[in-house]
Amino acid sequence: MVFLLDYFQHKRDCKFKQAERSQRIQDLTSYHGAFTASERQVLSKPIEELVQDVHKQVVQPIDILRAYGKAALKAHVKTNAVTEVMISAAEGWTSDGSINFKGPLAGIPISLKDSIVVGGFDTTVGYSCNVGNKGEKDGAMVRILKDAGAIPYVKTNLPITLLSFESTNDIWGRCMNPHNNKYSPGGSTGGESALLAAGGGRIGIGSDVAGSVRVPAHFSGIYSLRCSTGRWPKNGMVTSMPGQEGIPSVFSPMTRTLEDLSYFTKSMIGMKPWKYDHSVHPIPWREDTAKEYTEKKKLRVGVLRTDGVVDPSPACARAVEEVVAVLKKGGHEVIDVNPPSPYEALYLGSQLLNADGCKTFKSFFRTGEWEDSGAKEMSWLMSLPSPFKYVYYLWVKYVRRDEVWAGLIADWKEKSAYEQWKLVAKREAYKARWHDWWEQEANIDVMITPPNATPAVPHDGMHDAVSSCGYTFLFNLLDYTCGIMPITHVDKALDQLPPNFSLKKLNGVARGAYKHYNATAMHGLPVAVQVVGQRLEEEKVLAVMTRIEKALGDDKYQLLEID
């Protein structure tokens, strides 16, 4: 009986939130209809220019909010990206003194991943048990934003569990890629990437524990920066895995353009976030570093062609090669690199991230609540009785002769504190090896890698591709700064698999990823590259990204037009 009551309460809470969202959208009567000429002018300007207009009182913050509020609702119809609609409240914030319109983000509407706490609104994180958990006060992140002049106006969709490159849950439904609604916009910050790609905003904030601001940017065709821990605030959030610090999650910026990404990041760090959040290092924006890598005549760039687990698909390899070509043409030194084993990082990261046996993210589920197909695969294997799991391991290792997949599942179980500490020690030793390799052997400024083995996955594709996250997860373990910049689109004429390609010959991780690679079906989906620096090198990474985009010239990525 208790389970039945729990199930019915789950259904009631989901229905309530969906109805609440619909009513809020319906009540925004002035936000429907075609854009006016002045609204289109607002939508066309980079945020730095809009901020200057607000400071000079050329434009009012309410007018910027109305333009982007309208754009967000149009994007939501296309993608189902929006969760909490805060536009009515935001109108009040523009006039009640709660936002500082003299700050570096004055008047800029900002979208937020659903996990970020805004006073007066729920922070469900896709779990129905969190419906009604609204607090009175803003979290630290939102307080910084309002003091900087930004206007929070919508929160965005994500996957239940936050452990997926899709963004679906029972409360808010499935988020779709604006380029092709049969595909995922990414996850776990997929609502942000879908909204920004569709033109429903210019700047947003997401979180990243295995690639969750980077893969969505790659899937949807926007820009993002995975900051190192301590460079961007992280307090004032709700998560699916509180207490998980084996692979720390970081909150980071996502934007529609690279120009906005640089200005937004610099502005946030300029707000001295360490005065709001004890977890932030007191490191000001280092303009000298940005200038050094903007002007350095000859960069030394390493290229990671493959992680040795899943080779990049033709589309992703082509994007990397396009960047390599323009760098070489610009006179920069470009070398292929062979760093310490990325597979070891995938093993250590997956064991650390799920050391609790998947218990924590499972603890928030109600009876009958839908579970992301990828996370479900992880928790199912974790819960398999040891004798059956061992038989499965033996079959994979000795019958299938798949050393890669066998190695990942061999120790797939809940860890004791003793086992956890041993893994942390191995993690730190691995990070030290990478540091020595980068500084003493490779001696590179930055590294270029694919962000993922494939472009966007189709809906429910994470059932098979759940373990294919090595190109991003590697740098969560290392805590390196990484930027994502879209380069091209899948081309059915250029990106087909070779005639001799065989799915059966691949290891279990690669097989899951390539099961859904189809250049014809994916035609037109975005493809990005990842620019990697070492820890706390946000200024350097953004400077190099800017140089790459300038080098691309007229061939740089073309954004989706705003409807």
Protein backbone atom coordinates (compact mmCIF):
# COMPACT_ATOMS: atom_id res chain seq x y z
CA MET A 1 0.00 0.00 0.00
CA VAL A 2 2.85 2.41 0.83
CA PHE A 3 4.40 1.85 -2.59
CA LEU A 4 1.07 2.47 -4.29
CA LEU A 5 0.56 5.75 -2.41
CA ASP A 6 4.11 6.77 -3.30
CA TYR A 7 3.43 6.09 -6.97
CA PHE A 8 0.23 8.15 -7.00
CA GLN A 9 1.96 11.03 -5.21
CA HIS A 10 4.71 10.92 -7.85
CA LYS A 11 2.11 11.19 -10.60
CA ARG A 12 0.30 14.06 -8.84
CA ASP A 13 3.49 16.04 -8.33
CA CYS A 14 4.57 15.63 -11.96
CA LYS A 15 1.15 16.70 -13.19
CA PHE A 16 1.20 19.71 -10.85
CA LYS A 17 4.59 20.97 -12.09
CA GLN A 18 3.64 20.52 -15.73
CA ALA A 19 0.40 22.41 -15.20
CA GLU A 20 2.22 25.13 -13.28
CA ARG A 21 4.71 25.60 -16.12
CA SER A 22 1.95 25.71 -18.73
CA GLN A 23 -0.01 28.29 -16.75
CA ARG A 24 3.02 30.50 -16.25
CA ILE A 25 3.74 30.44 -19.98
CA GLN A 26 0.09 31.09 -20.83
CA ASP A 27 -0.03 34.08 -18.48
CA LEU A 28 2.87 35.75 -20.28
CA THR A 29 0.57 37.16 -22.96
CA SER A 30 2.97 39.90 -24.07
CA TYR A 31 5.74 37.32 -24.66
CA HIS A 32 3.95 35.53 -27.50
CA GLY A 33 3.96 36.51 -31.14
CA ALA A 34 6.57 37.74 -33.60
CA PHE A 35 9.67 39.69 -32.61
CA THR A 36 9.56 43.45 -33.04
CA ALA A 37 12.38 45.27 -34.85
CA SER A 38 13.78 46.54 -31.54
CA GLU A 39 13.69 43.03 -30.04
CA ARG A 40 15.60 41.63 -32.99
CA GLN A 41 18.19 44.35 -32.50
CA VAL A 42 18.59 43.33 -28.86
CA LEU A 43 18.90 39.66 -29.80
CA SER A 44 21.65 40.42 -32.31
CA LYS A 45 24.00 42.17 -29.88
CA PRO A 46 26.80 40.52 -27.86
CA ILE A 47 26.33 40.81 -24.12
CA GLU A 48 29.21 43.26 -23.61
CA GLU A 49 27.52 45.71 -25.97
CA LEU A 50 24.15 45.26 -24.26
CA VAL A 51 25.76 45.92 -20.87
CA GLN A 52 27.24 49.16 -22.20
CA ASP A 53 23.80 50.15 -23.53
CA VAL A 54 22.27 49.54 -20.09
CA HIS A 55 25.01 51.54 -18.36
CA LYS A 56 24.42 54.42 -20.79
CA GLN A 57 20.63 53.98 -20.42
CA VAL A 58 20.30 53.50 -24.18
CA VAL A 59 18.19 50.40 -23.44
CA GLN A 60 16.30 49.34 -20.34
CA PRO A 61 16.83 45.93 -18.67
CA ILE A 62 13.10 45.18 -18.93
CA ASP A 63 13.33 45.49 -22.73
CA ILE A 64 16.21 43.00 -22.89
CA LEU A 65 14.26 40.65 -20.63
CA ARG A 66 11.18 40.87 -22.84
CA ALA A 67 13.21 40.09 -25.97
CA TYR A 68 14.91 37.07 -24.46
CA GLY A 69 11.82 35.96 -22.58
CA LYS A 70 10.00 35.80 -25.88
CA ALA A 71 12.95 34.01 -27.50
CA ALA A 72 13.08 31.48 -24.67
CA LEU A 73 9.41 30.59 -25.03
CA LYS A 74 9.84 30.09 -28.78
CA ALA A 75 12.89 27.88 -28.18
CA HIS A 76 10.99 25.92 -25.54
CA VAL A 77 8.23 25.02 -28.01
CA LYS A 78 10.92 23.54 -30.26
CA THR A 79 13.02 21.78 -27.62
CA ASN A 80 11.17 21.45 -24.28
CA ALA A 81 14.20 23.09 -22.68
CA VAL A 82 12.58 25.19 -19.94
CA THR A 83 11.59 23.94 -16.48
CA GLU A 84 10.91 26.80 -14.04
CA VAL A 85 9.53 29.87 -15.83
CA MET A 86 10.69 32.85 -13.75
CA ILE A 87 9.95 35.66 -16.21
CA SER A 88 7.11 37.26 -14.22
CA ALA A 89 9.25 37.33 -11.08
CA ALA A 90 12.18 38.64 -13.14
CA GLU A 91 10.09 41.59 -14.27
CA GLY A 92 9.70 42.51 -10.62
CA TRP A 93 13.42 42.08 -9.92
CA THR A 94 14.23 44.65 -12.61
CA SER A 95 12.43 47.35 -10.65
CA ASP A 96 12.60 46.42 -6.96
CA GLY A 97 16.31 47.07 -6.43
CA SER A 98 17.31 43.42 -6.02
CA ILE A 99 19.56 43.53 -9.11
CA ASN A 100 22.57 45.82 -9.46
CA PHE A 101 22.35 47.38 -12.92
CA LYS A 102 25.76 48.99 -12.58
CA GLY A 103 27.49 45.59 -12.62
CA PRO A 104 29.42 43.89 -15.47
CA LEU A 105 26.39 41.83 -16.53
CA ALA A 106 23.84 44.64 -16.22
CA GLY A 107 20.51 43.72 -17.75
CA ILE A 108 21.60 40.36 -19.24
CA PRO A 109 19.00 37.59 -18.88
CA ILE A 110 20.67 34.35 -17.75
CA SER A 111 19.30 30.82 -17.88
CA LEU A 112 20.23 28.34 -15.18
CA LYS A 113 20.41 24.58 -14.95
CA ASP A 114 17.46 23.35 -12.91
CA SER A 115 19.79 22.32 -10.05
CA ILE A 116 20.68 25.96 -9.20
CA VAL A 117 18.72 27.43 -6.29
CA VAL A 118 16.63 30.54 -6.96
CA GLY A 119 14.58 31.87 -4.05
CA GLY A 120 10.84 31.28 -4.45
CA PHE A 121 11.18 28.46 -7.00
CA ASP A 122 11.52 24.69 -6.75
CA THR A 123 14.83 22.98 -7.44
CA THR A 124 13.60 19.52 -8.39
CA VAL A 125 16.63 18.20 -10.33
CA GLY A 126 14.08 16.07 -12.15
CA TYR A 127 13.02 14.11 -9.02
CA SER A 128 9.38 14.38 -8.01
CA CYS A 129 10.32 14.04 -4.33
CA ASN A 130 11.78 17.56 -4.61
CA VAL A 131 8.55 19.18 -5.78
CA GLY A 132 7.67 21.94 -3.33
CA ASN A 133 11.22 22.35 -1.99
CA LYS A 134 11.41 26.06 -2.79
CA GLY A 135 13.41 28.16 -0.36
CA GLU A 136 13.04 31.84 0.43
CA LYS A 137 16.60 32.90 -0.41
CA ASP A 138 18.75 32.73 -3.51
CA GLY A 139 21.76 30.45 -3.48
CA ALA A 140 25.28 31.88 -3.64
CA MET A 141 25.48 31.57 -7.43
CA VAL A 142 22.31 33.59 -7.97
CA ARG A 143 23.35 36.23 -5.44
CA ILE A 144 26.58 36.79 -7.40
CA LEU A 145 24.66 36.99 -10.66
CA LYS A 146 22.17 39.55 -9.36
CA ASP A 147 24.97 41.62 -7.85
CA ALA A 148 26.66 41.52 -11.26
CA GLY A 149 23.44 42.77 -12.87
CA ALA A 150 22.25 39.56 -14.53
CA ILE A 151 18.56 38.63 -14.57
CA PRO A 152 17.71 34.93 -13.97
CA TYR A 153 14.65 34.27 -16.13
CA VAL A 154 14.32 30.52 -16.77
CA LYS A 155 15.70 27.27 -15.42
CA THR A 156 16.42 24.42 -17.80
CA ASN A 157 15.95 20.71 -18.27
CA LEU A 158 18.29 17.91 -17.20
CA PRO A 159 18.28 14.13 -16.76
CA ILE A 160 17.08 12.51 -13.58
CA THR A 161 20.26 11.28 -11.76
CA LEU A 162 22.38 13.93 -13.62
CA LEU A 163 24.41 11.01 -15.02
CA SER A 164 23.53 11.04 -18.69
CA PHE A 165 24.23 12.74 -22.00
CA GLU A 166 20.46 12.96 -22.43
CA SER A 167 18.04 15.25 -20.55
CA THR A 168 14.78 13.52 -19.66
CA ASN A 169 12.71 13.05 -16.50
CA ASP A 170 9.10 12.44 -15.51
CA ILE A 171 8.49 15.98 -14.24
CA TRP A 172 9.57 17.99 -17.25
CA GLY A 173 9.65 15.43 -20.05
CA ARG A 174 12.23 14.94 -22.79
CA CYS A 175 14.48 17.75 -24.02
CA MET A 176 15.23 17.72 -27.76
CA ASN A 177 18.09 18.86 -29.95
CA PRO A 178 17.07 22.00 -31.91
CA HIS A 179 18.96 20.72 -34.98
CA ASN A 180 17.06 17.41 -35.08
CA ASN A 181 14.32 16.53 -32.62
CA LYS A 182 15.12 12.81 -32.85
CA TYR A 183 18.43 13.43 -31.08
CA SER A 184 19.53 14.44 -27.60
CA PRO A 185 20.81 17.99 -26.94
CA GLY A 186 23.24 16.41 -24.46
CA GLY A 187 23.29 16.09 -20.72
CA SER A 188 23.28 16.61 -17.98
CA THR A 189 23.03 20.30 -18.91
CA GLY A 190 21.02 19.57 -22.05
CA GLY A 191 18.29 22.12 -21.43
CA GLU A 192 20.89 24.89 -21.42
CA SER A 193 22.52 23.77 -24.66
CA ALA A 194 19.15 23.36 -26.40
CA LEU A 195 17.92 26.78 -25.26
CA LEU A 196 21.12 28.62 -26.23
CA ALA A 197 21.51 26.82 -29.56
CA ALA A 198 17.92 27.69 -30.48
CA GLY A 199 18.52 31.36 -29.63
CA GLY A 200 16.47 31.40 -26.42
CA GLY A 201 19.33 32.99 -24.52
CA ARG A 202 22.94 34.10 -24.79
CA ILE A 203 24.47 32.95 -21.49
CA GLY A 204 23.73 30.19 -19.02
CA ILE A 205 25.29 28.09 -16.27
CA GLY A 206 25.53 24.31 -16.00
CA SER A 207 27.48 21.71 -14.05
CA ASP A 208 30.00 19.11 -15.16
CA VAL A 209 31.11 15.87 -13.47
CA ALA A 210 31.90 13.78 -16.56
CA GLY A 211 31.33 16.19 -19.43
CA SER A 212 27.97 17.74 -18.61
CA VAL A 213 28.64 21.26 -19.93
CA ARG A 214 30.96 20.06 -22.69
CA VAL A 215 29.06 17.22 -24.35
CA PRO A 216 25.84 19.30 -24.55
CA ALA A 217 27.81 22.10 -26.23
CA HIS A 218 29.21 19.55 -28.70
CA PHE A 219 25.81 17.93 -29.33
CA SER A 220 23.93 21.23 -29.75
CA GLY A 221 26.45 23.60 -31.30
CA ILE A 222 27.27 26.16 -28.59
CA TYR A 223 30.33 27.15 -26.54
CA SER A 224 31.22 26.12 -23.00
CA LEU A 225 34.11 26.21 -20.57
CA ARG A 226 34.73 23.51 -17.97
CA CYS A 227 36.42 25.50 -15.22
CA SER A 228 38.77 23.85 -12.74
CA THR A 229 37.44 23.31 -9.23
CA GLY A 230 37.67 26.46 -7.18
CA ARG A 231 37.54 28.91 -10.08
CA TRP A 232 33.74 29.09 -10.36
CA PRO A 233 31.25 29.06 -7.45
CA LYS A 234 29.39 25.83 -6.68
CA ASN A 235 27.37 26.49 -3.51
CA GLY A 236 23.62 27.05 -3.60
CA MET A 237 22.77 23.93 -5.60
CA VAL A 238 20.78 20.73 -5.29
CA THR A 239 22.33 17.55 -6.64
CA SER A 240 21.60 13.86 -7.15
CA MET A 241 24.80 12.80 -5.40
CA PRO A 242 25.42 15.02 -2.34
CA GLY A 243 28.75 14.20 -0.70
CA GLN A 244 30.31 12.71 -3.84
CA GLU A 245 33.83 14.15 -4.01
CA GLY A 246 35.76 11.34 -5.72
CA ILE A 247 35.26 13.26 -8.98
CA PRO A 248 34.12 16.74 -7.90
CA SER A 249 31.41 18.42 -9.91
CA VAL A 250 32.05 21.96 -11.14
CA PHE A 251 29.64 24.67 -12.27
CA SER A 252 30.69 26.48 -15.42
CA PRO A 253 29.52 28.89 -18.14
CA MET A 254 27.77 28.05 -21.40
CA THR A 255 27.08 30.60 -24.13
CA ARG A 256 25.81 31.03 -27.66
CA THR A 257 29.02 32.72 -28.88
CA LEU A 258 32.71 32.58 -27.98
CA GLU A 259 32.83 36.36 -27.49
CA ASP A 260 30.11 36.06 -24.85
CA LEU A 261 31.88 33.10 -23.18
CA SER A 262 35.05 35.14 -22.68
CA TYR A 263 33.26 38.24 -21.42
CA PHE A 264 30.93 36.25 -19.12
CA THR A 265 33.78 34.27 -17.55
CA LYS A 266 35.90 37.36 -17.00
CA SER A 267 32.92 39.21 -15.49
CA MET A 268 32.07 36.44 -13.03
CA ILE A 269 35.64 36.07 -11.82
CA GLY A 270 35.82 39.86 -11.56
CA MET A 271 32.94 39.70 -9.06
CA LYS A 272 35.33 38.07 -6.54
CA PRO A 273 33.15 34.97 -6.09
CA TRP A 274 35.35 33.83 -3.19
CA LYS A 275 33.58 36.49 -1.10
CA TYR A 276 30.28 34.64 -1.68
CA ASP A 277 31.44 31.01 -1.71
CA HIS A 278 34.16 29.51 0.49
CA SER A 279 34.99 26.88 -2.14
CA VAL A 280 36.31 29.47 -4.66
CA HIS A 281 40.03 30.23 -4.83
CA PRO A 282 40.84 33.97 -4.52
CA ILE A 283 42.40 34.13 -7.99
CA PRO A 284 41.55 37.33 -9.90
CA TRP A 285 41.24 37.37 -13.68
CA ARG A 286 44.79 37.25 -15.07
CA GLU A 287 44.80 39.65 -17.98
CA ASP A 288 48.54 39.18 -18.47
CA THR A 289 48.01 35.47 -19.16
CA ALA A 290 45.17 36.17 -21.58
CA LYS A 291 47.37 38.71 -23.40
CA GLU A 292 50.36 36.34 -23.49
CA TYR A 293 48.42 33.58 -25.29
CA THR A 294 46.58 36.04 -27.48
CA GLU A 295 49.87 37.42 -28.78
CA LYS A 296 52.24 34.43 -28.57
CA LYS A 297 53.65 34.06 -32.08
CA LYS A 298 53.99 30.29 -32.13
CA LEU A 299 51.84 28.00 -30.02
CA ARG A 300 52.84 24.40 -29.37
CA VAL A 301 49.64 22.35 -29.61
CA GLY A 302 49.25 18.67 -28.82
CA VAL A 303 46.58 16.61 -30.57
CA LEU A 304 44.99 13.60 -28.88
CA ARG A 305 43.64 11.67 -31.87
CA THR A 306 42.11 8.86 -29.82
CA ASP A 307 41.72 7.88 -26.18
CA GLY A 308 42.51 4.27 -27.07
CA VAL A 309 39.07 3.15 -25.92
CA VAL A 310 36.74 4.55 -28.58
CA ASP A 311 38.26 5.98 -31.75
CA PRO A 312 36.49 9.17 -32.85
CA SER A 313 33.89 8.81 -35.57
CA PRO A 314 34.67 10.22 -39.03
CA ALA A 315 32.72 13.42 -38.27
CA CYS A 316 34.54 14.07 -35.00
CA ALA A 317 37.95 13.22 -36.47
CA ARG A 318 37.27 15.61 -39.36
CA ALA A 319 36.51 18.49 -36.96
CA VAL A 320 39.83 17.93 -35.19
CA GLU A 321 41.66 17.82 -38.52
CA GLU A 322 40.08 21.12 -39.62
CA VAL A 323 41.46 22.82 -36.51
CA VAL A 324 44.86 21.19 -36.95
CA ALA A 325 44.98 22.47 -40.54
CA VAL A 326 44.27 26.10 -39.64
CA LEU A 327 46.78 26.01 -36.77
CA LYS A 328 49.51 24.68 -39.04
CA LYS A 329 48.64 27.24 -41.67
CA GLY A 330 49.04 29.93 -39.03
CA GLY A 331 52.58 28.79 -38.32
CA HIS A 332 51.92 27.03 -35.03
CA GLU A 333 53.66 23.80 -34.02
CA VAL A 334 51.17 20.92 -33.93
CA ILE A 335 52.19 17.46 -32.70
CA ASP A 336 50.33 14.22 -32.04
CA VAL A 337 50.63 13.19 -28.39
CA ASN A 338 50.51 9.94 -26.46
CA PRO A 339 49.77 10.81 -22.81
CA PRO A 340 49.38 8.47 -19.81
CA SER A 341 46.59 5.95 -20.42
CA PRO A 342 43.14 7.61 -20.78
CA TYR A 343 41.66 4.15 -20.17
CA GLU A 344 43.14 4.17 -16.67
CA ALA A 345 41.34 7.47 -16.05
CA LEU A 346 38.04 6.00 -17.27
CA TYR A 347 38.48 3.08 -14.87
CA LEU A 348 39.45 5.20 -11.87
CA GLY A 349 36.83 7.86 -12.58
CA SER A 350 33.94 5.41 -12.95
CA GLN A 351 34.90 3.58 -9.75
CA LEU A 352 35.23 6.80 -7.76
CA LEU A 353 32.06 8.40 -9.08
CA ASN A 354 29.97 5.35 -8.18
CA ALA A 355 31.82 4.22 -5.06
CA ASP A 356 28.57 4.30 -3.10
CA GLY A 357 27.17 1.48 -5.26
CA CYS A 358 24.80 3.96 -7.00
CA LYS A 359 22.84 4.18 -3.75
CA THR A 360 22.72 7.95 -3.43
CA PHE A 361 21.13 8.88 -6.75
CA LYS A 362 18.78 5.90 -6.40
CA SER A 363 17.66 7.03 -2.93
CA PHE A 364 15.62 9.93 -4.34
CA PHE A 365 13.44 7.80 -6.63
CA ARG A 366 9.79 7.27 -5.96
CA THR A 367 7.89 4.15 -6.88
CA GLY A 368 7.40 3.93 -10.64
CA GLU A 369 9.59 6.95 -11.42
CA TRP A 370 11.30 6.72 -14.79
CA GLU A 371 15.07 6.20 -14.68
CA ASP A 372 17.50 7.32 -17.36
CA SER A 373 18.43 4.30 -19.46
CA GLY A 374 22.17 4.86 -19.08
CA ALA A 375 22.09 5.30 -15.31
CA LYS A 376 19.80 2.28 -15.12
CA GLU A 377 22.43 0.15 -16.86
CA MET A 378 25.02 1.23 -14.28
CA SER A 379 22.82 0.59 -11.27
CA TRP A 380 21.54 -2.73 -12.67
CA LEU A 381 25.06 -4.07 -13.08
CA MET A 382 25.99 -2.74 -9.65
CA SER A 383 23.08 -4.60 -8.05
CA LEU A 384 23.76 -7.91 -9.82
CA PRO A 385 24.68 -10.63 -7.27
CA SER A 386 28.44 -11.23 -7.13
CA PRO A 387 28.39 -14.80 -8.55
CA PHE A 388 26.40 -13.70 -11.61
CA LYS A 389 28.57 -10.63 -12.06
CA TYR A 390 31.71 -12.76 -11.95
CA VAL A 391 30.33 -15.16 -14.56
CA TYR A 392 29.50 -12.16 -16.77
CA TYR A 393 33.03 -10.83 -16.27
CA LEU A 394 34.56 -14.19 -17.25
CA TRP A 395 32.37 -14.36 -20.36
CA VAL A 396 33.39 -10.84 -21.44
CA LYS A 397 37.09 -11.40 -20.78
CA TYR A 398 37.60 -14.95 -22.06
CA VAL A 399 34.76 -15.61 -24.50
CA ARG A 400 34.35 -12.18 -26.05
CA ARG A 401 38.04 -11.42 -25.39
CA ASP A 402 37.14 -7.85 -24.54
CA GLU A 403 39.81 -6.66 -22.10
CA VAL A 404 38.49 -3.07 -22.09
CA TRP A 405 34.94 -3.80 -20.95
CA ALA A 406 36.04 -6.62 -18.67
CA GLY A 407 38.44 -4.28 -16.89
CA LEU A 408 35.69 -1.73 -16.24
CA ILE A 409 33.21 -4.21 -14.79
CA ALA A 410 35.64 -6.38 -12.79
CA ASP A 411 35.42 -4.20 -9.66
CA TRP A 412 31.98 -2.69 -10.32
CA LYS A 413 30.67 -2.81 -6.76
CA GLU A 414 30.10 -0.66 -3.72
CA LYS A 415 33.39 0.37 -2.13
CA SER A 416 34.38 0.36 1.52
CA ALA A 417 36.12 3.43 2.95
CA TYR A 418 39.38 1.47 2.71
CA GLU A 419 38.82 0.74 -0.98
CA GLN A 420 37.76 4.33 -1.65
CA TRP A 421 40.94 5.70 -0.10
CA LYS A 422 43.07 3.39 -2.24
CA LEU A 423 41.28 4.68 -5.36
CA VAL A 424 41.88 8.29 -4.30
CA ALA A 425 45.57 7.51 -3.86
CA LYS A 426 45.68 6.03 -7.37
CA ARG A 427 43.85 9.08 -8.71
CA GLU A 428 46.43 11.43 -7.23
CA ALA A 429 49.32 9.36 -8.56
CA TYR A 430 47.72 9.38 -12.00
CA LYS A 431 47.32 13.17 -11.90
CA ALA A 432 50.99 13.52 -10.97
CA ARG A 433 52.03 11.37 -13.96
CA TRP A 434 49.97 13.55 -16.29
CA HIS A 435 51.49 16.72 -14.88
CA ASP A 436 55.01 15.39 -15.36
CA TRP A 437 54.19 14.20 -18.88
CA TRP A 438 52.72 17.59 -19.88
CA GLU A 439 55.55 19.66 -18.38
CA GLN A 440 58.59 17.49 -19.07
CA GLU A 441 57.78 15.39 -22.14
CA ALA A 442 55.03 17.01 -24.21
CA ASN A 443 55.87 20.60 -23.25
CA ILE A 444 52.71 21.90 -24.93
CA ASP A 445 50.63 25.03 -24.46
CA VAL A 446 47.25 23.35 -25.01
CA MET A 447 45.80 20.12 -26.31
CA ILE A 448 43.09 19.55 -28.94
CA THR A 449 40.83 16.50 -28.60
CA PRO A 450 37.42 15.33 -29.79
CA PRO A 451 34.78 16.11 -27.12
CA ASN A 452 33.14 12.72 -27.67
CA ALA A 453 33.56 9.77 -29.99
CA THR A 454 30.34 10.61 -31.84
CA PRO A 455 27.99 13.55 -32.41
CA ALA A 456 24.64 13.61 -30.58
CA VAL A 457 23.04 10.31 -29.59
CA PRO A 458 19.43 9.54 -30.52
CA HIS A 459 16.89 9.51 -27.71
CA ASP A 460 17.48 6.57 -25.33
CA GLY A 461 20.85 5.98 -26.97
CA MET A 462 22.60 6.24 -23.60
CA HIS A 463 21.32 2.74 -22.85
CA ASP A 464 24.18 1.58 -25.07
CA ALA A 465 26.57 4.56 -24.98
CA VAL A 466 26.60 5.17 -21.21
CA SER A 467 30.31 4.34 -20.84
CA SER A 468 31.45 6.35 -23.86
CA CYS A 469 32.49 9.49 -22.01
CA GLY A 470 36.26 9.15 -21.87
CA TYR A 471 37.21 12.26 -23.85
CA THR A 472 35.57 14.52 -21.27
CA PHE A 473 35.66 12.39 -18.10
CA LEU A 474 39.46 12.19 -18.33
CA PHE A 475 39.75 15.91 -17.65
CA ASN A 476 37.29 15.85 -14.75
CA LEU A 477 39.62 13.41 -13.02
CA LEU A 478 42.63 15.61 -13.86
CA ASP A 479 40.65 18.79 -13.04
CA TYR A 480 41.93 20.48 -16.20
CA THR A 481 40.33 23.52 -17.80
CA CYS A 482 38.58 22.62 -21.07
CA GLY A 483 36.71 24.66 -23.66
CA ILE A 484 34.27 23.44 -26.29
CA MET A 485 33.89 25.22 -29.61
CA PRO A 486 31.65 24.01 -32.48
CA ILE A 487 33.53 23.62 -35.75
CA THR A 488 31.33 21.96 -38.37
CA HIS A 489 28.27 19.77 -38.99
CA VAL A 490 27.92 16.10 -39.82
CA ASP A 491 28.06 15.66 -43.58
CA LYS A 492 26.53 12.49 -44.99
CA ALA A 493 28.88 12.70 -47.98
CA LEU A 494 32.07 13.05 -45.93
CA ASP A 495 31.45 11.23 -42.67
CA GLN A 496 30.33 7.71 -43.56
CA LEU A 497 31.99 4.76 -41.83
CA PRO A 498 34.51 2.86 -43.99
CA PRO A 499 33.23 -0.22 -45.89
CA ASN A 500 35.29 -2.58 -43.73
CA PHE A 501 33.91 -1.22 -40.44
CA SER A 502 32.71 -4.00 -38.12
CA LEU A 503 30.69 -3.33 -34.97
CA LYS A 504 31.36 -6.84 -33.69
CA LYS A 505 35.13 -6.29 -33.57
CA LEU A 506 34.84 -3.33 -31.18
CA ASN A 507 35.20 -3.43 -27.40
CA GLY A 508 32.06 -3.05 -25.31
CA VAL A 509 32.42 0.71 -24.79
CA ALA A 510 33.08 1.44 -28.46
CA ARG A 511 30.31 -0.89 -29.60
CA GLY A 512 27.78 1.01 -27.48
CA ALA A 513 28.89 4.33 -28.96
CA TYR A 514 29.02 3.24 -32.60
CA LYS A 515 25.72 1.40 -32.44
CA HIS A 516 24.04 4.77 -33.02
CA TYR A 517 26.48 6.40 -35.44
CA ASN A 518 24.77 6.99 -38.77
CA ALA A 519 26.14 9.88 -40.83
CA THR A 520 23.05 9.97 -43.04
CA ALA A 521 20.60 10.21 -40.14
CA MET A 522 22.92 12.62 -38.30
CA HIS A 523 23.43 14.92 -41.28
CA GLY A 524 23.47 18.53 -40.05
CA LEU A 525 24.18 17.81 -36.38
CA PRO A 526 26.93 19.98 -34.83
CA VAL A 527 30.47 18.72 -34.28
CA ALA A 528 32.92 20.45 -31.92
CA VAL A 529 36.48 20.18 -30.65
CA GLN A 530 37.78 20.36 -27.10
CA VAL A 531 40.61 22.75 -26.22
CA VAL A 532 42.41 21.61 -23.06
CA GLY A 533 44.72 23.48 -20.72
CA GLN A 534 46.10 22.45 -17.37
CA ARG A 535 44.47 23.15 -14.04
CA LEU A 536 43.18 26.71 -13.47
CA GLU A 537 44.11 27.88 -16.97
CA GLU A 538 40.80 29.46 -17.96
CA GLU A 539 42.43 32.60 -19.38
CA LYS A 540 44.80 30.60 -21.57
CA VAL A 541 42.12 28.24 -22.91
CA LEU A 542 39.76 31.08 -23.83
CA ALA A 543 42.60 32.98 -25.55
CA VAL A 544 43.54 29.96 -27.67
CA MET A 545 39.91 29.27 -28.53
CA THR A 546 39.60 32.84 -29.76
CA ARG A 547 42.71 32.46 -31.91
CA ILE A 548 41.36 29.26 -33.45
CA GLU A 549 38.04 30.89 -34.30
CA LYS A 550 39.77 33.88 -35.86
CA ALA A 551 41.97 31.52 -37.88
CA LEU A 552 38.88 29.74 -39.20
CA GLY A 553 37.67 33.06 -40.61
CA ASP A 554 34.64 32.73 -42.84
CA ASP A 555 34.70 28.96 -42.27
CA LYS A 556 33.86 29.30 -38.58
CA TYR A 557 30.76 27.55 -37.26
CA GLN A 558 27.42 29.05 -38.26
CA LEU A 559 24.87 29.26 -35.44
CA LEU A 560 21.22 28.33 -35.85
CA GLU A 561 19.18 31.37 -36.75
CA ILE A 562 16.64 32.60 -34.22
CA ASP A 563 13.11 31.85 -35.44
